[in-house]
N, C-alpha and C. Protein backbone atom coordinates (compact mmCIF):
# COMPACT_ATOMS: atom_id res chain seq x y z
N MET A 1 88.47 -9.87 51.85
CA MET A 1 87.62 -9.58 52.37
C MET A 1 86.40 -9.81 52.21
N ASN A 2 85.45 -9.97 53.16
CA ASN A 2 84.02 -10.28 53.29
C ASN A 2 83.24 -9.40 52.49
N ARG A 3 82.22 -10.02 51.53
CA ARG A 3 81.36 -9.49 51.11
C ARG A 3 80.64 -8.39 52.00
N ILE A 4 80.17 -9.32 53.01
CA ILE A 4 79.25 -8.55 54.12
C ILE A 4 79.53 -7.15 54.16
N VAL A 5 81.54 -7.29 54.67
CA VAL A 5 81.81 -6.20 55.51
C VAL A 5 81.99 -4.98 54.66
N GLU A 6 82.55 -5.66 52.78
CA GLU A 6 82.63 -4.51 51.85
C GLU A 6 81.30 -4.02 51.60
N GLY A 7 80.17 -4.24 51.76
CA GLY A 7 78.94 -3.96 51.51
C GLY A 7 78.70 -2.91 52.86
N LEU A 8 78.95 -2.89 53.96
CA LEU A 8 78.97 -2.06 54.84
C LEU A 8 79.81 -0.99 55.11
N ILE A 9 81.28 -1.08 54.65
CA ILE A 9 81.91 0.04 54.15
C ILE A 9 81.61 0.94 53.20
N VAL A 10 80.94 0.35 52.02
CA VAL A 10 80.31 1.41 51.30
C VAL A 10 78.82 1.87 51.96
N PHE A 11 77.91 1.36 52.45
CA PHE A 11 77.05 1.91 53.32
C PHE A 11 77.22 2.92 54.00
N VAL A 12 78.20 2.74 55.09
CA VAL A 12 78.96 4.25 55.99
C VAL A 12 79.50 5.07 55.03
N ALA A 13 80.03 4.76 53.96
CA ALA A 13 80.56 5.78 53.28
C ALA A 13 79.59 6.57 52.57
N ILE A 14 78.26 5.79 52.42
CA ILE A 14 77.67 6.96 51.61
C ILE A 14 76.69 7.50 52.41
N VAL A 15 76.48 7.05 53.84
CA VAL A 15 75.97 8.16 54.73
C VAL A 15 76.53 9.15 55.13
N LEU A 16 77.75 8.52 55.01
CA LEU A 16 78.90 10.11 55.78
C LEU A 16 78.49 11.26 54.28
N ILE A 17 78.79 10.79 53.11
CA ILE A 17 78.82 11.52 52.11
C ILE A 17 77.20 12.60 52.25
N ILE A 18 76.23 11.68 52.39
CA ILE A 18 75.23 12.54 52.40
C ILE A 18 75.03 13.79 53.87
N LEU A 19 75.75 12.95 55.20
CA LEU A 19 75.57 13.74 56.29
C LEU A 19 76.85 14.99 56.44
N GLY A 20 77.86 14.44 55.14
CA GLY A 20 78.62 15.79 55.28
C GLY A 20 78.03 16.89 54.05
N ALA A 21 77.30 16.51 53.03
CA ALA A 21 76.48 17.36 52.30
C ALA A 21 75.55 18.37 52.91
N ILE A 22 74.86 17.67 53.80
CA ILE A 22 73.61 18.30 54.64
C ILE A 22 74.52 19.37 55.19
N PHE A 23 75.45 19.16 56.05
CA PHE A 23 76.62 20.08 56.71
C PHE A 23 77.15 21.14 56.11
N LEU A 24 77.47 20.47 54.78
CA LEU A 24 78.35 21.81 53.94
C LEU A 24 76.99 22.71 53.70
N ILE A 25 75.75 21.99 52.97
CA ILE A 25 74.75 23.10 52.86
C ILE A 25 74.21 24.12 54.06
N ALA A 26 74.32 23.65 55.31
CA ALA A 26 73.74 24.33 56.27
C ALA A 26 74.51 25.63 56.38
N GLY A 27 75.94 25.64 56.15
CA GLY A 27 76.58 26.77 56.10
C GLY A 27 76.99 27.19 57.59
N GLY A 28 78.12 28.05 57.45
CA GLY A 28 78.63 28.37 59.03
C GLY A 28 79.91 27.66 59.08
N ALA A 29 81.11 28.46 59.64
CA ALA A 29 82.38 27.86 59.21
C ALA A 29 82.42 26.50 60.34
N GLN A 30 81.79 25.87 61.25
CA GLN A 30 81.88 25.10 62.15
C GLN A 30 80.95 23.51 61.35
N ASN A 31 80.11 24.28 60.54
CA ASN A 31 79.21 23.38 59.71
C ASN A 31 80.39 22.96 58.73
N ILE A 32 80.61 23.79 57.77
CA ILE A 32 81.50 23.61 56.39
C ILE A 32 82.45 22.86 57.22
N MET A 33 83.16 22.69 57.90
CA MET A 33 84.20 21.82 59.07
C MET A 33 84.42 20.48 58.67
N THR A 34 83.06 20.64 59.59
CA THR A 34 82.24 19.17 60.09
C THR A 34 81.90 18.12 58.51
N GLY A 35 81.36 19.21 57.80
CA GLY A 35 81.10 18.43 56.76
C GLY A 35 82.06 17.75 55.59
N ALA A 36 83.27 18.75 55.64
CA ALA A 36 84.56 18.71 54.98
C ALA A 36 85.07 16.96 55.63
N VAL A 37 85.25 17.19 56.98
CA VAL A 37 85.67 16.39 57.43
C VAL A 37 85.07 14.70 57.18
N LEU A 38 83.58 14.77 57.20
CA LEU A 38 82.62 13.50 57.10
C LEU A 38 82.90 13.18 55.49
N VAL A 39 82.82 13.96 54.39
CA VAL A 39 83.16 13.76 53.17
C VAL A 39 84.60 13.04 53.09
N LEU A 40 85.05 13.96 53.48
CA LEU A 40 86.64 13.39 53.47
C LEU A 40 87.08 11.83 54.21
N LEU A 41 86.43 11.41 55.05
CA LEU A 41 86.47 10.01 55.91
C LEU A 41 85.52 9.11 55.07
N ALA A 42 84.53 9.77 54.23
CA ALA A 42 83.96 8.84 53.36
C ALA A 42 84.62 8.64 52.38
N VAL A 43 85.19 9.66 51.52
CA VAL A 43 86.12 9.06 50.29
C VAL A 43 87.75 8.15 50.93
N VAL A 44 87.54 8.38 51.78
CA VAL A 44 89.29 7.49 52.58
C VAL A 44 88.82 6.13 52.72
N LEU A 45 87.38 5.93 53.27
CA LEU A 45 86.70 4.66 53.21
C LEU A 45 86.23 4.18 51.97
N LEU A 46 86.07 4.57 51.06
CA LEU A 46 85.68 4.19 50.04
C LEU A 46 87.16 4.13 48.84
N PHE A 47 88.10 4.67 49.15
CA PHE A 47 89.45 4.38 48.46
C PHE A 47 90.05 2.89 49.09
N TYR A 48 90.00 2.63 50.58
CA TYR A 48 90.22 1.74 51.30
C TYR A 48 89.23 0.34 50.73
N ASN A 49 88.26 0.47 50.69
CA ASN A 49 87.30 -0.68 50.13
C ASN A 49 88.08 -0.99 48.54
N TYR A 50 87.55 0.34 47.54
CA TYR A 50 88.52 0.13 46.33
C TYR A 50 90.06 -1.05 46.49
N ARG A 51 90.57 -0.30 47.09
CA ARG A 51 92.53 -0.70 47.06
C ARG A 51 91.89 -2.46 47.70
N SER A 52 91.51 -2.90 48.42
CA SER A 52 91.44 -4.29 49.30
C SER A 52 90.75 -5.31 48.15
N GLN A 53 89.76 -4.70 47.17
CA GLN A 53 89.20 -5.46 46.29
C GLN A 53 90.33 -5.73 44.67
N LYS A 54 91.02 -4.42 44.99
CA LYS A 54 92.01 -4.76 43.40
C LYS A 54 93.38 -5.62 44.34
N ILE A 55 93.52 -5.54 45.53
CA ILE A 55 94.73 -6.62 46.49
C ILE A 55 94.12 -7.90 46.32
N GLN A 56 92.99 -8.39 46.49
CA GLN A 56 92.17 -9.63 46.58
C GLN A 56 92.14 -9.88 45.03
N ALA A 57 91.85 -9.19 44.12
CA ALA A 57 91.36 -9.75 42.83
C ALA A 57 92.97 -9.67 42.28
N ALA A 58 94.31 -9.25 42.52
CA ALA A 58 95.84 -9.60 42.26
C ALA A 58 96.24 -10.78 42.42
N LYS A 59 95.61 -11.87 43.79
CA LYS A 59 96.00 -12.99 44.28
C LYS A 59 95.88 -14.15 43.55
N PRO A 60 96.61 -15.18 43.19
CA PRO A 60 96.13 -15.89 42.11
C PRO A 60 94.96 -17.23 43.17
N THR A 61 94.12 -17.45 42.19
CA THR A 61 92.89 -18.38 43.10
C THR A 61 93.82 -19.95 42.40
N LEU A 62 93.52 -20.92 43.28
CA LEU A 62 93.67 -22.05 43.39
C LEU A 62 92.36 -22.93 42.98
N VAL A 63 91.97 -23.17 41.93
CA VAL A 63 90.45 -24.08 41.31
C VAL A 63 90.84 -25.74 41.58
N THR A 64 90.42 -26.42 42.37
CA THR A 64 90.66 -27.62 41.85
C THR A 64 89.45 -28.43 41.56
N GLN A 65 89.34 -29.47 40.66
CA GLN A 65 88.54 -30.03 39.65
C GLN A 65 88.87 -31.92 40.57
N ASN A 66 87.57 -32.42 40.43
CA ASN A 66 87.56 -33.91 40.70
C ASN A 66 86.94 -34.31 39.51
N PHE A 67 87.28 -35.73 39.06
CA PHE A 67 86.80 -36.18 38.02
C PHE A 67 86.93 -37.85 38.13
N ASN A 68 85.94 -38.55 37.75
CA ASN A 68 86.01 -39.87 37.66
C ASN A 68 86.08 -40.51 36.24
N VAL A 69 87.46 -41.70 36.25
CA VAL A 69 87.16 -42.15 34.66
C VAL A 69 87.41 -43.70 35.03
N LYS A 70 86.53 -44.06 34.26
CA LYS A 70 86.11 -45.69 34.38
C LYS A 70 86.65 -46.12 33.06
N MET A 71 87.77 -46.91 33.44
CA MET A 71 88.85 -48.02 32.23
C MET A 71 88.34 -49.09 32.08
N GLU A 72 88.48 -49.50 31.16
CA GLU A 72 87.76 -50.70 30.87
C GLU A 72 88.24 -51.68 30.06
N GLY A 73 88.85 -53.17 29.99
CA GLY A 73 89.48 -53.60 29.11
C GLY A 73 90.50 -54.40 30.34
N THR A 74 91.29 -55.25 29.45
CA THR A 74 92.56 -55.56 30.24
C THR A 74 93.76 -55.12 30.03
N GLY A 75 93.94 -54.11 29.15
CA GLY A 75 95.11 -53.47 29.28
C GLY A 75 96.03 -54.27 28.31
N GLN A 76 95.73 -55.25 27.88
CA GLN A 76 97.21 -56.05 26.99
C GLN A 76 96.64 -55.58 25.26
N THR A 77 97.63 -55.54 24.50
CA THR A 77 97.29 -55.03 23.11
C THR A 77 97.18 -56.85 22.22
N GLU A 78 96.81 -56.53 21.26
CA GLU A 78 96.50 -58.03 20.34
C GLU A 78 97.31 -57.57 19.02
N ARG A 79 98.08 -58.20 19.14
CA ARG A 79 99.12 -58.20 17.61
C ARG A 79 97.85 -58.76 16.39
N LYS A 80 98.00 -57.49 15.12
CA LYS A 80 97.05 -57.97 14.40
C LYS A 80 98.00 -58.69 12.90
N GLU A 81 97.74 -59.29 12.43
CA GLU A 81 98.41 -59.76 10.91
C GLU A 81 98.15 -59.09 9.88
N LEU A 82 99.39 -58.72 8.97
CA LEU A 82 99.41 -58.15 7.71
C LEU A 82 98.91 -59.04 6.74
N LYS A 83 98.52 -58.64 5.97
CA LYS A 83 98.11 -59.58 4.65
C LYS A 83 98.20 -58.50 3.59
N CYS A 84 98.92 -58.98 2.27
CA CYS A 84 99.33 -58.36 1.12
C CYS A 84 97.78 -57.93 0.64
N ARG A 85 97.36 -56.76 -0.15
CA ARG A 85 96.37 -56.63 -0.41
C ARG A 85 96.04 -57.23 -1.74
N SER A 86 97.25 -57.55 -2.72
CA SER A 86 97.13 -58.23 -4.00
C SER A 86 97.16 -59.64 -3.74
N CYS A 87 97.69 -60.63 -3.29
CA CYS A 87 97.88 -61.74 -3.15
C CYS A 87 97.13 -62.15 -1.65
N GLY A 88 96.90 -61.59 -0.66
CA GLY A 88 96.73 -62.20 0.44
C GLY A 88 97.69 -62.90 1.35
N ALA A 89 98.51 -62.96 0.90
CA ALA A 89 99.53 -63.52 1.74
C ALA A 89 100.06 -62.85 3.08
N THR A 90 100.20 -63.75 4.08
CA THR A 90 100.84 -63.15 5.48
C THR A 90 102.05 -62.63 5.37
N LEU A 91 102.32 -61.35 5.55
CA LEU A 91 103.30 -60.60 5.61
C LEU A 91 104.48 -60.52 7.41
N SER A 92 105.44 -60.70 7.32
CA SER A 92 106.14 -60.23 8.57
C SER A 92 106.87 -59.41 8.55
N GLU A 93 107.58 -59.21 9.93
CA GLU A 93 108.41 -57.78 9.99
C GLU A 93 109.42 -58.10 9.29
N LYS A 94 109.90 -58.88 8.71
CA LYS A 94 111.08 -58.41 7.74
C LYS A 94 110.96 -58.10 6.26
N ASP A 95 109.59 -58.16 5.93
CA ASP A 95 109.10 -57.37 4.99
C ASP A 95 108.81 -55.65 5.09
N ILE A 96 108.74 -55.35 6.35
CA ILE A 96 108.28 -53.80 6.48
C ILE A 96 109.74 -52.91 6.86
N LYS A 97 109.70 -51.85 5.88
CA LYS A 97 110.89 -51.27 6.01
C LYS A 97 110.50 -49.57 6.29
N VAL A 98 111.36 -48.75 6.43
CA VAL A 98 110.71 -47.25 6.58
C VAL A 98 111.63 -46.63 5.81
N VAL A 99 111.28 -45.68 4.93
CA VAL A 99 111.71 -45.13 3.67
C VAL A 99 111.37 -43.77 3.90
N GLN A 100 112.45 -42.82 3.69
CA GLN A 100 112.41 -41.29 3.88
C GLN A 100 110.66 -40.96 5.09
N GLY A 101 110.69 -41.60 6.04
CA GLY A 101 109.46 -41.56 7.17
C GLY A 101 108.19 -42.43 6.78
N GLY A 102 108.26 -42.65 5.71
CA GLY A 102 107.21 -43.47 5.62
C GLY A 102 107.02 -45.33 5.49
N VAL A 103 105.93 -46.03 5.88
CA VAL A 103 106.39 -47.42 6.00
C VAL A 103 106.05 -47.98 4.76
N VAL A 104 107.11 -48.59 4.10
CA VAL A 104 106.73 -49.38 3.21
C VAL A 104 106.35 -50.83 3.13
N ILE A 105 105.76 -51.57 2.62
CA ILE A 105 105.79 -53.19 2.78
C ILE A 105 106.03 -53.84 1.61
N THR A 106 106.82 -54.65 1.51
CA THR A 106 107.20 -55.17 0.15
C THR A 106 106.46 -57.15 0.16
N CYS A 107 105.52 -57.36 -0.49
CA CYS A 107 105.25 -58.69 -0.47
C CYS A 107 106.53 -59.58 -0.99
N PRO A 108 106.76 -60.88 0.11
CA PRO A 108 108.05 -61.43 -0.97
C PRO A 108 107.17 -62.53 -1.75
N TYR A 109 106.01 -62.69 -1.74
CA TYR A 109 105.75 -63.32 -3.02
C TYR A 109 104.97 -62.99 -4.03
N CYS A 110 104.35 -61.56 -4.34
CA CYS A 110 104.27 -61.33 -5.32
C CYS A 110 105.10 -60.45 -6.13
N GLY A 111 105.63 -59.64 -4.80
CA GLY A 111 106.75 -58.56 -5.16
C GLY A 111 105.77 -56.84 -5.09
N THR A 112 104.32 -57.02 -5.08
CA THR A 112 103.67 -55.78 -4.70
C THR A 112 104.16 -54.82 -3.20
N VAL A 113 104.48 -53.47 -3.56
CA VAL A 113 104.94 -52.49 -3.05
C VAL A 113 103.84 -51.52 -2.32
N THR A 114 103.57 -51.52 -0.68
CA THR A 114 102.67 -50.84 -0.40
C THR A 114 102.97 -49.87 0.50
N THR A 115 102.59 -49.21 0.51
CA THR A 115 102.52 -47.87 1.92
C THR A 115 101.51 -48.14 2.96
N LEU A 116 102.12 -48.47 3.83
CA LEU A 116 101.09 -48.22 5.26
C LEU A 116 100.50 -46.67 5.52
N GLU A 117 99.55 -46.58 6.11
CA GLU A 117 99.00 -45.15 6.18
C GLU A 117 98.03 -45.32 7.35
N GLU A 118 98.25 -44.50 8.39
CA GLU A 118 97.47 -44.72 9.96
C GLU A 118 96.41 -44.30 9.48
N SER A 119 95.29 -44.48 9.28
CA SER A 119 94.00 -43.49 9.55
C SER A 119 93.70 -42.99 10.76
N PRO A 120 92.81 -41.94 10.51
CA PRO A 120 92.59 -41.22 11.87
C PRO A 120 91.67 -42.02 13.11
N LYS A 121 92.36 -41.41 14.16
CA LYS A 121 91.53 -41.93 15.35
C LYS A 121 89.63 -41.36 15.73
N TRP A 122 89.69 -40.44 14.78
CA TRP A 122 88.03 -39.91 15.26
C TRP A 122 87.23 -40.92 14.78
């Protein structure tokens, strides 16, 4: 429901409550009956406003966001050459083994065994 309509309903309900209170204070059988009806009508309007707000709040809200991503580069990866830490010899794929979930490299020239650890990306 529109905020303006909700505001008008609340305003009319407040006016009806004030008017009903005036009739109730004035006394007399006819005035008391009119005041009670006006206050009851105001309560119905306030309940209607409250209920419509609860129904509106229960509905899911769709949120959309747009963002631009600028991607650079060719998208190609380059192969890095592995070298032995001890003797500096070039290592090949056949020198790499996976042992218990870890990557182990054995140098075919000097026999050095090295575990390969990935450094953090941050």
